Amino acid sequence: MALEQLGRRKVAGSLLLLNLLMYVFMLGFAGWALNSSIKNAGVDAGWGTSTTPLLQVLAFP
C-alpha cells in the first residue's frame, strides 16, 4: 500500500512540475505577444484600416 501511494505521488509531482513549466512558458509567450502588439500599435499613421470606410457606412447611417 505504501509503495502504491509513493508511485502516485511521483506521478502527481511530475505532472505538477510539468504544469508549472507550461504555466511559466505561457506567461512568457503572452508577455511577448502583448509587448509585440503594443509595439506595433502605432505603426499605421492613418486612422483605421482599409475596411474603415465600409464599416462607417454601417455604423453611421
Protein backbone atom coordinates (compact mmCIF):
# COMPACT_ATOMS: atom_id res chain seq x y z
CA MET A 1 0.00 0.00 0.00
CA ALA A 2 2.78 2.45 0.83
CA LEU A 3 4.60 1.76 -2.46
CA GLU A 4 1.40 2.32 -4.40
CA GLN A 5 0.90 5.73 -2.76
CA LEU A 6 4.55 6.61 -3.36
CA GLY A 7 4.13 5.82 -7.06
CA ARG A 8 1.08 8.03 -7.24
CA ARG A 9 2.95 10.85 -5.54
CA LYS A 10 5.76 10.60 -8.08
CA VAL A 11 3.30 10.80 -10.94
CA ALA A 12 1.40 13.66 -9.32
CA GLY A 13 4.65 15.52 -8.61
CA SER A 14 5.82 15.09 -12.19
CA LEU A 15 2.51 16.35 -13.54
CA LEU A 16 2.56 19.34 -11.19
CA LEU A 17 6.08 20.22 -12.31
CA LEU A 18 5.03 19.91 -15.96
CA ASN A 19 2.02 22.12 -15.23
CA LEU A 20 4.25 24.76 -13.63
CA LEU A 21 6.65 24.72 -16.57
CA MET A 22 3.82 25.09 -19.07
CA TYR A 23 2.36 27.94 -16.99
CA VAL A 24 5.68 29.81 -16.98
CA PHE A 25 6.08 29.23 -20.73
CA MET A 26 2.58 30.55 -21.44
CA LEU A 27 3.19 33.62 -19.28
CA GLY A 28 6.36 34.35 -21.25
CA PHE A 29 4.59 33.84 -24.57
CA ALA A 30 1.64 36.02 -23.55
CA GLY A 31 4.01 38.75 -22.40
CA TRP A 32 5.87 38.62 -25.68
CA ALA A 33 2.63 38.74 -27.69
CA LEU A 34 1.30 41.68 -25.68
CA ASN A 35 4.59 43.54 -25.99
CA SER A 36 4.68 42.89 -29.73
CA SER A 37 1.12 44.11 -30.24
CA ILE A 38 1.74 47.26 -28.20
CA LYS A 39 4.96 47.99 -30.08
CA ASN A 40 3.24 47.59 -33.46
CA ALA A 41 0.11 49.52 -32.46
CA GLY A 42 1.35 52.90 -33.66
CA VAL A 43 2.83 51.79 -36.98
CA ASP A 44 -0.15 52.87 -39.08
CA ALA A 45 -0.17 56.68 -39.33
CA GLY A 46 -3.71 56.80 -40.75
CA TRP A 47 -6.91 56.30 -38.82
CA GLY A 48 -8.38 52.82 -39.02
CA THR A 49 -7.77 50.20 -41.66
CA SER A 50 -8.63 49.76 -45.30
CA THR A 51 -12.11 48.49 -44.34
CA THR A 52 -12.95 51.51 -42.17
CA PRO A 53 -14.96 53.40 -44.86
CA LEU A 54 -17.06 50.31 -45.50
CA LEU A 55 -17.76 49.83 -41.80
CA GLN A 56 -18.52 53.52 -41.25
CA VAL A 57 -21.41 53.26 -43.67
CA LEU A 58 -22.88 50.53 -41.47
CA ALA A 59 -22.09 52.24 -38.16
CA PHE A 60 -23.29 55.75 -39.05
CA PRO A 61 -26.38 55.52 -41.28
